[in-house]
C-alpha atoms as a PDB file:
ATOM      1  CA  UNK A   1      87.344  62.582 150.759  1.00  0.00           C
ATOM      2  CA  UNK A   2      88.236  60.464 147.763  1.00  0.00           C
ATOM      3  CA  UNK A   3      90.812  61.314 145.180  1.00  0.00           C
ATOM      4  CA  UNK A   4      90.212  61.585 141.460  1.00  0.00           C
ATOM      5  CA  UNK A   5      92.095  58.322 140.951  1.00  0.00           C
ATOM      6  CA  UNK A   6      89.792  56.576 143.418  1.00  0.00           C
ATOM      7  CA  UNK A   7      86.713  57.922 141.662  1.00  0.00           C
ATOM      8  CA  UNK A   8      88.054  56.893 138.239  1.00  0.00           C
ATOM      9  CA  UNK A   9      88.775  53.403 139.566  1.00  0.00           C
ATOM     10  CA  UNK A  10      85.192  53.209 140.846  1.00  0.00           C
ATOM     11  CA  UNK A  11      83.835  54.270 137.449  1.00  0.00           C
ATOM     12  CA  UNK A  12      86.060  51.742 135.662  1.00  0.00           C
ATOM     13  CA  UNK A  13      84.833  49.025 138.003  1.00  0.00           C
ATOM     14  CA  UNK A  14      81.195  49.956 137.396  1.00  0.00           C
ATOM     15  CA  UNK A  15      81.682  49.980 133.614  1.00  0.00           C
ATOM     16  CA  UNK A  16      83.382  46.570 133.815  1.00  0.00           C
ATOM     17  CA  UNK A  17      80.415  45.268 135.821  1.00  0.00           C
ATOM     18  CA  UNK A  18      78.036  46.560 133.131  1.00  0.00           C
ATOM     19  CA  UNK A  19      80.129  44.950 130.382  1.00  0.00           C
ATOM     20  CA  UNK A  20      80.115  41.602 132.176  1.00  0.00           C
ATOM     21  CA  UNK A  21      76.374  41.797 132.754  1.00  0.00           C
ATOM     22  CA  UNK A  22      75.749  42.605 129.077  1.00  0.00           C
ATOM     23  CA  UNK A  23      77.932  39.693 127.923  1.00  0.00           C
ATOM     24  CA  UNK A  24      75.788  37.408 130.073  1.00  0.00           C
ATOM     25  CA  UNK A  25      72.328  38.876 129.426  1.00  0.00           C
ATOM     26  CA  UNK A  26      72.282  40.063 125.787  1.00  0.00           C
ATOM     27  CA  UNK A  27      72.431  36.568 124.213  1.00  0.00           C
ATOM     28  CA  UNK A  28      69.226  35.690 126.103  1.00  0.00           C
ATOM     29  CA  UNK A  29      67.388  38.358 124.076  1.00  0.00           C
ATOM     30  CA  UNK A  30      67.681  36.227 120.927  1.00  0.00           C
ATOM     31  CA  UNK A  31      66.079  32.927 119.915  1.00  0.00           C
ATOM     32  CA  UNK A  32      69.342  31.863 118.266  1.00  0.00           C
ATOM     33  CA  UNK A  33      72.997  31.831 119.241  1.00  0.00           C
ATOM     34  CA  UNK A  34      74.776  35.164 119.061  1.00  0.00           C
ATOM     35  CA  UNK A  35      78.252  36.356 119.873  1.00  0.00           C
ATOM     36  CA  UNK A  36      78.634  39.588 121.805  1.00  0.00           C
ATOM     37  CA  UNK A  37      81.428  41.571 120.196  1.00  0.00           C
ATOM     38  CA  UNK A  38      82.552  45.068 120.993  1.00  0.00           C
ATOM     39  CA  UNK A  39      81.160  46.785 124.091  1.00  0.00           C
ATOM     40  CA  UNK A  40      81.891  50.512 124.243  1.00  0.00           C
ATOM     41  CA  UNK A  41      80.999  53.054 126.923  1.00  0.00           C
ATOM     42  CA  UNK A  42      80.078  56.556 125.731  1.00  0.00           C
ATOM     43  CA  UNK A  43      80.569  59.045 128.566  1.00  0.00           C
ATOM     44  CA  UNK A  44      78.907  61.894 126.632  1.00  0.00           C
ATOM     45  CA  UNK A  45      75.545  60.119 126.456  1.00  0.00           C
ATOM     46  CA  UNK A  46      76.099  57.852 129.477  1.00  0.00           C
ATOM     47  CA  UNK A  47      75.346  54.800 127.355  1.00  0.00           C
ATOM     48  CA  UNK A  48      76.891  51.488 126.396  1.00  0.00           C
ATOM     49  CA  UNK A  49      76.869  50.180 122.816  1.00  0.00           C
ATOM     50  CA  UNK A  50      76.985  46.451 122.206  1.00  0.00           C
ATOM     51  CA  UNK A  51      77.730  44.772 118.881  1.00  0.00           C
ATOM     52  CA  UNK A  52      75.987  41.423 118.396  1.00  0.00           C
ATOM     53  CA  UNK A  53      76.698  38.967 115.586  1.00  0.00           C
ATOM     54  CA  UNK A  54      74.975  35.680 114.776  1.00  0.00           C
ATOM     55  CA  UNK A  55      77.105  32.715 115.834  1.00  0.00           C
ATOM     56  CA  UNK A  56      78.150  29.976 113.439  1.00  0.00           C
ATOM     57  CA  UNK A  57      75.112  27.919 114.563  1.00  0.00           C
ATOM     58  CA  UNK A  58      72.593  30.728 114.073  1.00  0.00           C
ATOM     59  CA  UNK A  59      71.773  29.925 110.430  1.00  0.00           C
ATOM     60  CA  UNK A  60      71.013  26.311 111.267  1.00  0.00           C
ATOM     61  CA  UNK A  61      68.918  27.285 114.293  1.00  0.00           C
ATOM     62  CA  UNK A  62      66.955  29.883 112.331  1.00  0.00           C
ATOM     63  CA  UNK A  63      66.449  27.512 109.414  1.00  0.00           C
ATOM     64  CA  UNK A  64      65.068  24.841 111.746  1.00  0.00           C
ATOM     65  CA  UNK A  65      62.820  27.391 113.465  1.00  0.00           C
ATOM     66  CA  UNK A  66      61.462  28.636 110.120  1.00  0.00           C
ATOM     67  CA  UNK A  67      60.801  25.179 108.672  1.00  0.00           C
ATOM     68  CA  UNK A  68      63.955  24.560 106.653  1.00  0.00           C
ATOM     69  CA  UNK A  69      64.238  27.777 104.640  1.00  0.00           C
ATOM     70  CA  UNK A  70      67.689  29.012 103.654  1.00  0.00           C
ATOM     71  CA  UNK A  71      68.919  31.724 105.988  1.00  0.00           C
ATOM     72  CA  UNK A  72      71.713  34.206 105.310  1.00  0.00           C
ATOM     73  CA  UNK A  73      73.275  35.939 108.294  1.00  0.00           C
ATOM     74  CA  UNK A  74      75.475  38.810 107.243  1.00  0.00           C
ATOM     75  CA  UNK A  75      76.337  41.842 109.262  1.00  0.00           C
ATOM     76  CA  UNK A  76      75.715  42.644 112.871  1.00  0.00           C
ATOM     77  CA  UNK A  77      73.376  44.492 115.186  1.00  0.00           C
ATOM     78  CA  UNK A  78      74.397  47.355 117.411  1.00  0.00           C
ATOM     79  CA  UNK A  79      72.367  47.916 120.560  1.00  0.00           C
ATOM     80  CA  UNK A  80      72.681  51.031 122.693  1.00  0.00           C
ATOM     81  CA  UNK A  81      71.717  50.924 126.355  1.00  0.00           C
ATOM     82  CA  UNK A  82      71.337  54.193 128.228  1.00  0.00           C
ATOM     83  CA  UNK A  83      72.521  54.025 131.796  1.00  0.00           C
ATOM     84  CA  UNK A  84      70.529  55.513 134.636  1.00  0.00           C
ATOM     85  CA  UNK A  85      71.831  56.962 137.850  1.00  0.00           C
ATOM     86  CA  UNK A  86      70.756  55.498 141.147  1.00  0.00           C
ATOM     87  CA  UNK A  87      71.341  56.975 144.551  1.00  0.00           C
ATOM     88  CA  UNK A  88      73.731  54.946 146.652  1.00  0.00           C
ATOM     89  CA  UNK A  89      73.485  54.891 150.386  1.00  0.00           C
END
């Protein structure tokens, strides 16, 4: 039988794994360079929110992609991923 501390450590480890995976995978969703900022776990909705901001090269990349138009990149995007439960053996 595991203790509460053991279970909390397992949850922390799983959340850290999700954070690391998001830091690796989220930039691949964009055609330009982005920086993954804050990653927050919400236990109430069992979801992870990720803040994404265009990198310093994003304007140049987008301008080239769009044929030389001026591009302004202000603000950020926030993505929310809902986690699903899987049965472990």
